[in-house]
N, C-alpha and C. Protein backbone atom coordinates (compact mmCIF):
# COMPACT_ATOMS: atom_id res chain seq x y z
N MET A 1 91.41 -8.02 19.74
CA MET A 1 91.90 -9.37 19.50
C MET A 1 93.41 -9.34 19.68
N ILE A 2 93.93 -10.31 20.39
CA ILE A 2 95.37 -10.38 20.65
C ILE A 2 96.09 -10.78 19.37
N VAL A 3 97.09 -9.98 19.01
CA VAL A 3 97.92 -10.24 17.83
C VAL A 3 99.28 -10.69 18.34
N ASP A 4 99.82 -11.74 17.74
CA ASP A 4 101.12 -12.27 18.19
C ASP A 4 102.29 -11.41 17.72
N ARG A 5 102.39 -11.20 16.41
CA ARG A 5 103.57 -10.54 15.83
C ARG A 5 103.21 -9.79 14.56
N TYR A 6 104.03 -8.79 14.21
CA TYR A 6 103.95 -8.19 12.88
C TYR A 6 104.73 -9.09 11.93
N ASP A 7 104.47 -8.98 10.64
CA ASP A 7 105.27 -9.71 9.66
C ASP A 7 106.71 -9.21 9.74
N PRO A 8 107.69 -10.12 9.77
CA PRO A 8 109.10 -9.72 9.92
C PRO A 8 109.60 -8.83 8.78
N MET A 9 110.49 -7.94 9.16
CA MET A 9 111.13 -7.05 8.20
C MET A 9 112.47 -6.66 8.80
N ASN A 10 113.50 -6.57 8.01
CA ASN A 10 114.80 -6.16 8.52
C ASN A 10 115.05 -4.72 8.11
N LEU A 11 114.89 -3.81 9.06
CA LEU A 11 115.09 -2.39 8.77
C LEU A 11 116.52 -2.09 8.38
N PHE A 12 117.45 -2.86 8.92
CA PHE A 12 118.86 -2.63 8.61
C PHE A 12 119.14 -2.82 7.12
N GLU A 13 118.40 -3.71 6.49
CA GLU A 13 118.58 -3.94 5.06
C GLU A 13 117.98 -2.81 4.21
N LEU A 14 117.02 -2.09 4.78
CA LEU A 14 116.40 -0.98 4.05
C LEU A 14 117.31 0.23 3.96
N VAL A 15 118.22 0.36 4.90
CA VAL A 15 119.15 1.49 4.90
C VAL A 15 120.58 0.97 5.07
N PRO A 16 121.08 0.23 4.08
CA PRO A 16 122.37 -0.46 4.23
C PRO A 16 123.57 0.47 4.42
N LYS A 17 123.50 1.67 3.92
CA LYS A 17 124.67 2.56 4.02
C LYS A 17 124.92 3.03 5.45
N LEU A 18 123.92 2.91 6.31
CA LEU A 18 124.09 3.36 7.69
C LEU A 18 124.86 2.35 8.54
N LYS A 19 124.96 1.12 8.08
CA LYS A 19 125.66 0.06 8.81
C LYS A 19 125.18 -0.03 10.26
N LEU A 20 123.87 -0.16 10.41
CA LEU A 20 123.27 -0.24 11.73
C LEU A 20 123.36 -1.65 12.28
N GLU A 21 123.54 -1.75 13.57
CA GLU A 21 123.50 -3.04 14.24
C GLU A 21 123.21 -2.82 15.72
N MET A 22 122.71 -3.84 16.36
CA MET A 22 122.42 -3.76 17.79
C MET A 22 123.71 -3.90 18.58
N ASP A 23 123.75 -3.23 19.74
CA ASP A 23 124.91 -3.44 20.60
C ASP A 23 124.84 -4.86 21.15
N PRO A 24 125.94 -5.39 21.65
CA PRO A 24 125.98 -6.79 22.09
C PRO A 24 124.92 -7.14 23.14
N GLU A 25 124.65 -6.22 24.06
CA GLU A 25 123.65 -6.49 25.10
C GLU A 25 122.26 -6.67 24.49
N LEU A 26 121.89 -5.79 23.57
CA LEU A 26 120.59 -5.91 22.91
C LEU A 26 120.53 -7.16 22.04
N ALA A 27 121.62 -7.47 21.35
CA ALA A 27 121.65 -8.67 20.51
C ALA A 27 121.45 -9.93 21.36
N HIS A 28 122.07 -9.95 22.54
CA HIS A 28 121.91 -11.10 23.45
C HIS A 28 120.46 -11.19 23.93
N LEU A 29 119.90 -10.07 24.34
CA LEU A 29 118.50 -10.05 24.78
C LEU A 29 117.56 -10.45 23.64
N ASP A 30 117.89 -10.02 22.43
CA ASP A 30 117.07 -10.36 21.26
C ASP A 30 116.95 -11.87 21.12
N ARG A 31 118.06 -12.57 21.30
CA ARG A 31 118.04 -14.04 21.21
C ARG A 31 117.26 -14.65 22.37
N LEU A 32 117.46 -14.12 23.58
CA LEU A 32 116.76 -14.65 24.75
C LEU A 32 115.24 -14.46 24.65
N LEU A 33 114.83 -13.35 24.08
CA LEU A 33 113.39 -13.05 24.00
C LEU A 33 112.67 -13.84 22.93
N ASP A 34 113.40 -14.62 22.15
CA ASP A 34 112.77 -15.51 21.18
C ASP A 34 112.22 -16.77 21.84
N ASP A 35 112.35 -16.89 23.14
CA ASP A 35 111.88 -18.05 23.89
C ASP A 35 110.35 -18.14 23.82
N GLU A 36 109.86 -19.23 23.29
CA GLU A 36 108.41 -19.41 23.09
C GLU A 36 107.65 -19.55 24.42
N VAL A 37 108.27 -20.13 25.43
CA VAL A 37 107.62 -20.29 26.74
C VAL A 37 107.35 -18.91 27.35
N LEU A 38 108.35 -18.06 27.32
CA LEU A 38 108.19 -16.70 27.84
C LEU A 38 107.10 -15.96 27.06
N PHE A 39 107.15 -16.07 25.74
CA PHE A 39 106.16 -15.42 24.88
C PHE A 39 104.74 -15.85 25.27
N GLU A 40 104.54 -17.14 25.44
CA GLU A 40 103.22 -17.66 25.79
C GLU A 40 102.78 -17.20 27.18
N GLN A 41 103.73 -17.06 28.12
CA GLN A 41 103.39 -16.56 29.45
C GLN A 41 102.90 -15.12 29.39
N VAL A 42 103.58 -14.30 28.60
CA VAL A 42 103.19 -12.90 28.46
C VAL A 42 101.83 -12.81 27.76
N LYS A 43 101.65 -13.60 26.73
CA LYS A 43 100.37 -13.62 26.02
C LYS A 43 99.24 -14.02 26.97
N ALA A 44 99.48 -15.03 27.80
CA ALA A 44 98.46 -15.47 28.76
C ALA A 44 98.16 -14.36 29.76
N ASP A 45 99.20 -13.64 30.21
CA ASP A 45 98.99 -12.51 31.12
C ASP A 45 98.09 -11.46 30.47
N LEU A 46 98.37 -11.14 29.21
CA LEU A 46 97.59 -10.12 28.51
C LEU A 46 96.16 -10.59 28.25
N CYS A 47 95.99 -11.85 27.98
CA CYS A 47 94.64 -12.40 27.74
C CYS A 47 93.81 -12.41 29.02
N ARG A 48 94.47 -12.55 30.17
CA ARG A 48 93.76 -12.58 31.45
C ARG A 48 93.12 -11.24 31.79
N ARG A 49 93.69 -10.17 31.27
CA ARG A 49 93.17 -8.84 31.59
C ARG A 49 91.73 -8.69 31.14
N TYR A 50 91.47 -9.05 29.91
CA TYR A 50 90.11 -9.07 29.36
C TYR A 50 89.94 -10.42 28.69
N PRO A 51 89.22 -11.34 29.29
CA PRO A 51 89.15 -12.72 28.81
C PRO A 51 88.77 -12.90 27.34
N ASN A 52 87.94 -12.02 26.79
CA ASN A 52 87.54 -12.18 25.38
C ASN A 52 88.50 -11.54 24.40
N SER A 53 89.52 -10.86 24.90
CA SER A 53 90.42 -10.14 24.00
C SER A 53 91.26 -11.06 23.11
N ALA A 54 91.37 -12.33 23.48
CA ALA A 54 92.13 -13.26 22.65
C ALA A 54 91.45 -13.52 21.31
N ARG A 55 90.14 -13.31 21.24
CA ARG A 55 89.45 -13.63 20.00
C ARG A 55 88.51 -12.55 19.49
N LEU A 56 88.23 -11.52 20.30
CA LEU A 56 87.28 -10.48 19.91
C LEU A 56 87.93 -9.10 19.94
N GLY A 57 87.30 -8.15 19.26
CA GLY A 57 87.74 -6.76 19.32
C GLY A 57 88.76 -6.41 18.26
N ARG A 58 89.22 -5.16 18.35
CA ARG A 58 90.21 -4.69 17.37
C ARG A 58 91.55 -5.36 17.64
N HIS A 59 92.42 -5.33 16.66
CA HIS A 59 93.74 -5.95 16.82
C HIS A 59 94.57 -5.14 17.80
N SER A 60 95.27 -5.86 18.64
CA SER A 60 96.11 -5.24 19.65
C SER A 60 97.49 -4.93 19.07
N THR A 61 98.29 -4.25 19.87
CA THR A 61 99.72 -4.18 19.59
C THR A 61 100.22 -5.60 19.81
N PRO A 62 101.04 -6.13 18.92
CA PRO A 62 101.49 -7.52 19.09
C PRO A 62 102.18 -7.77 20.44
N VAL A 63 101.95 -8.94 20.96
CA VAL A 63 102.53 -9.37 22.24
C VAL A 63 104.05 -9.20 22.21
N GLU A 64 104.66 -9.61 21.12
CA GLU A 64 106.11 -9.52 20.98
C GLU A 64 106.61 -8.09 21.15
N VAL A 65 105.92 -7.13 20.56
CA VAL A 65 106.30 -5.72 20.65
C VAL A 65 106.17 -5.23 22.10
N ILE A 66 105.05 -5.56 22.73
CA ILE A 66 104.83 -5.16 24.12
C ILE A 66 105.93 -5.71 25.02
N LEU A 67 106.20 -7.01 24.90
CA LEU A 67 107.23 -7.64 25.71
C LEU A 67 108.57 -6.94 25.54
N ARG A 68 108.98 -6.74 24.31
CA ARG A 68 110.29 -6.16 24.04
C ARG A 68 110.39 -4.70 24.49
N MET A 69 109.30 -3.95 24.34
CA MET A 69 109.32 -2.56 24.80
C MET A 69 109.37 -2.49 26.33
N LEU A 70 108.68 -3.41 27.00
CA LEU A 70 108.75 -3.43 28.46
C LEU A 70 110.14 -3.84 28.96
N VAL A 71 110.78 -4.73 28.23
CA VAL A 71 112.15 -5.12 28.59
C VAL A 71 113.09 -3.92 28.42
N LEU A 72 112.94 -3.15 27.32
CA LEU A 72 113.76 -1.95 27.13
C LEU A 72 113.53 -0.94 28.25
N LYS A 73 112.28 -0.76 28.61
CA LYS A 73 111.94 0.17 29.69
C LYS A 73 112.70 -0.21 30.96
N ARG A 74 112.66 -1.49 31.27
CA ARG A 74 113.32 -1.99 32.48
C ARG A 74 114.85 -1.92 32.35
N LEU A 75 115.37 -2.30 31.20
CA LEU A 75 116.82 -2.32 30.98
C LEU A 75 117.44 -0.93 31.14
N TYR A 76 116.81 0.07 30.53
CA TYR A 76 117.37 1.42 30.53
C TYR A 76 116.74 2.33 31.59
N ASN A 77 115.86 1.77 32.42
CA ASN A 77 115.19 2.55 33.46
C ASN A 77 114.45 3.75 32.87
N PHE A 78 113.81 3.55 31.73
CA PHE A 78 113.01 4.59 31.09
C PHE A 78 111.65 4.67 31.76
N SER A 79 111.01 5.82 31.62
CA SER A 79 109.59 5.92 31.95
C SER A 79 108.83 5.33 30.76
N TYR A 80 107.53 5.16 30.90
CA TYR A 80 106.73 4.67 29.78
C TYR A 80 106.78 5.68 28.62
N GLN A 81 106.73 6.97 28.95
CA GLN A 81 106.77 8.00 27.92
C GLN A 81 108.12 7.99 27.20
N GLN A 82 109.21 7.86 27.95
CA GLN A 82 110.54 7.80 27.33
C GLN A 82 110.68 6.57 26.44
N THR A 83 110.14 5.45 26.90
CA THR A 83 110.22 4.23 26.10
C THR A 83 109.54 4.45 24.75
N GLU A 84 108.34 4.99 24.77
CA GLU A 84 107.62 5.27 23.52
C GLU A 84 108.45 6.20 22.63
N ARG A 85 108.95 7.28 23.19
CA ARG A 85 109.69 8.29 22.41
C ARG A 85 110.99 7.71 21.83
N PHE A 86 111.78 7.00 22.66
CA PHE A 86 113.06 6.49 22.18
C PHE A 86 112.88 5.39 21.14
N VAL A 87 111.88 4.55 21.31
CA VAL A 87 111.63 3.50 20.30
C VAL A 87 111.16 4.14 19.00
N ASN A 88 110.31 5.16 19.10
CA ASN A 88 109.87 5.87 17.90
C ASN A 88 111.03 6.49 17.13
N ASP A 89 112.03 6.97 17.86
CA ASP A 89 113.13 7.72 17.25
C ASP A 89 114.32 6.87 16.81
N SER A 90 114.37 5.61 17.16
CA SER A 90 115.58 4.81 16.91
C SER A 90 115.28 3.62 16.00
N ILE A 91 115.99 3.54 14.90
CA ILE A 91 115.85 2.39 14.00
C ILE A 91 116.31 1.12 14.70
N VAL A 92 117.38 1.22 15.47
CA VAL A 92 117.91 0.04 16.17
C VAL A 92 116.89 -0.47 17.19
N LEU A 93 116.29 0.43 17.97
CA LEU A 93 115.30 0.00 18.96
C LEU A 93 114.02 -0.51 18.29
N ARG A 94 113.66 0.08 17.15
CA ARG A 94 112.50 -0.42 16.39
C ARG A 94 112.74 -1.86 15.93
N GLN A 95 113.96 -2.13 15.46
CA GLN A 95 114.29 -3.48 15.02
C GLN A 95 114.28 -4.44 16.21
N PHE A 96 114.88 -4.02 17.33
CA PHE A 96 114.90 -4.87 18.53
C PHE A 96 113.48 -5.20 18.98
N CYS A 97 112.61 -4.20 18.98
CA CYS A 97 111.22 -4.39 19.43
C CYS A 97 110.35 -5.07 18.38
N ARG A 98 110.92 -5.24 17.19
CA ARG A 98 110.20 -5.84 16.06
C ARG A 98 108.95 -5.04 15.72
N LEU A 99 109.14 -3.74 15.81
CA LEU A 99 108.08 -2.80 15.50
C LEU A 99 108.10 -2.47 14.00
N TYR A 100 109.30 -2.56 13.41
CA TYR A 100 109.51 -2.30 11.98
C TYR A 100 109.01 -0.90 11.63
N LEU A 101 108.12 -0.78 10.67
CA LEU A 101 107.64 0.54 10.24
C LEU A 101 106.27 0.88 10.82
N GLU A 102 105.81 0.09 11.76
CA GLU A 102 104.51 0.33 12.40
C GLU A 102 104.65 1.43 13.47
N ALA A 103 103.54 2.01 13.84
CA ALA A 103 103.54 3.03 14.89
C ALA A 103 103.84 2.38 16.24
N ALA A 104 104.62 3.05 17.05
CA ALA A 104 104.90 2.55 18.39
C ALA A 104 103.65 2.69 19.25
N PRO A 105 103.41 1.75 20.13
CA PRO A 105 102.25 1.88 21.01
C PRO A 105 102.40 3.08 21.93
N ASP A 106 101.30 3.68 22.26
CA ASP A 106 101.25 4.81 23.16
C ASP A 106 101.73 4.40 24.56
N ASP A 107 102.25 5.37 25.30
CA ASP A 107 102.73 5.04 26.64
C ASP A 107 101.62 4.48 27.53
N SER A 108 100.37 4.86 27.29
CA SER A 108 99.28 4.32 28.11
C SER A 108 99.06 2.83 27.83
N THR A 109 99.32 2.40 26.59
CA THR A 109 99.24 0.98 26.25
C THR A 109 100.33 0.21 27.00
N LEU A 110 101.52 0.78 27.03
CA LEU A 110 102.63 0.14 27.74
C LEU A 110 102.37 0.10 29.24
N THR A 111 101.81 1.18 29.78
CA THR A 111 101.50 1.22 31.21
C THR A 111 100.53 0.11 31.57
N SER A 112 99.49 0.00 30.78
CA SER A 112 98.47 -1.03 30.99
C SER A 112 99.07 -2.42 30.91
N ALA A 113 99.88 -2.67 29.88
CA ALA A 113 100.50 -3.98 29.71
C ALA A 113 101.51 -4.25 30.81
N GLY A 114 102.22 -3.22 31.24
CA GLY A 114 103.22 -3.37 32.30
C GLY A 114 102.60 -3.79 33.61
N ARG A 115 101.38 -3.32 33.87
CA ARG A 115 100.67 -3.72 35.09
C ARG A 115 100.14 -5.14 34.98
N THR A 116 99.89 -5.58 33.76
CA THR A 116 99.28 -6.89 33.52
C THR A 116 100.30 -8.02 33.53
N SER A 117 101.47 -7.78 32.92
CA SER A 117 102.46 -8.84 32.76
C SER A 117 103.64 -8.64 33.68
N SER A 118 104.06 -9.70 34.34
CA SER A 118 105.22 -9.62 35.22
C SER A 118 106.48 -10.16 34.55
N ALA A 119 106.41 -10.53 33.28
CA ALA A 119 107.56 -11.13 32.60
C ALA A 119 108.81 -10.25 32.59
N PRO A 120 108.71 -8.94 32.27
CA PRO A 120 109.93 -8.14 32.29
C PRO A 120 110.59 -8.09 33.67
N ARG A 121 109.79 -8.09 34.73
CA ARG A 121 110.37 -8.12 36.08
C ARG A 121 111.05 -9.45 36.34
N ARG A 122 110.43 -10.54 35.87
CA ARG A 122 111.04 -11.86 36.05
C ARG A 122 112.33 -11.95 35.26
N LEU A 123 112.34 -11.38 34.07
CA LEU A 123 113.54 -11.41 33.23
C LEU A 123 114.70 -10.69 33.89
N SER A 124 114.41 -9.56 34.52
CA SER A 124 115.49 -8.75 35.08
C SER A 124 116.16 -9.42 36.26
N THR A 125 115.53 -10.41 36.84
CA THR A 125 116.15 -11.11 37.98
C THR A 125 116.97 -12.32 37.52
N SER A 126 116.96 -12.60 36.21
CA SER A 126 117.66 -13.75 35.69
C SER A 126 118.62 -13.34 34.59
N THR A 127 119.82 -13.87 34.62
CA THR A 127 120.77 -13.56 33.56
C THR A 127 121.21 -14.81 32.81
N ASN A 128 120.65 -15.95 33.16
CA ASN A 128 121.11 -17.19 32.56
C ASN A 128 120.28 -17.69 31.40
N GLY A 129 119.30 -16.91 30.99
CA GLY A 129 118.53 -17.32 29.82
C GLY A 129 117.26 -18.08 30.15
N PRO A 130 116.56 -18.54 29.12
CA PRO A 130 115.24 -19.12 29.26
C PRO A 130 115.14 -20.28 30.24
N SER A 131 116.13 -21.13 30.30
CA SER A 131 116.01 -22.30 31.17
C SER A 131 115.97 -21.91 32.64
N SER A 132 116.49 -20.74 32.98
CA SER A 132 116.49 -20.33 34.38
C SER A 132 115.36 -19.37 34.70
N TRP A 133 114.54 -19.00 33.72
CA TRP A 133 113.45 -18.07 33.99
C TRP A 133 112.40 -18.74 34.82
N PRO A 134 111.91 -18.07 35.86
CA PRO A 134 110.88 -18.66 36.70
C PRO A 134 109.61 -18.91 35.90
N VAL A 135 108.94 -19.99 36.19
CA VAL A 135 107.70 -20.33 35.51
C VAL A 135 106.58 -20.26 36.53
N ARG A 136 105.46 -19.60 36.14
CA ARG A 136 104.31 -19.52 37.04
C ARG A 136 103.34 -20.60 36.73
């Protein structure tokens, strides 16, 4: 079953003495990725892979997490394995991906989702934000 999001949590507040924050580029992307139109496009892409997955089966990795991890992969030119490892190891990247304290999806999950959704590729060709993102 397709899951939209995990319940929000601010990891930075859990470890206040570390004074963690996202770099400006990630903070900007964080705001851009809150676009509901983009979110729904990615969700529709994922639902198309297996038509009944929107309502049946075990809970998926949330759409929001998949989208954000694929954007990180593209931004930093990571492999799927590197994306999984770096997100697992970084509190800042966990917060950006809205993974919080949940387990990061396996690289095979990201590979599968990356083949299904073209949103991260569409995002990388646009720098002007949601209004300029191509719509299919």
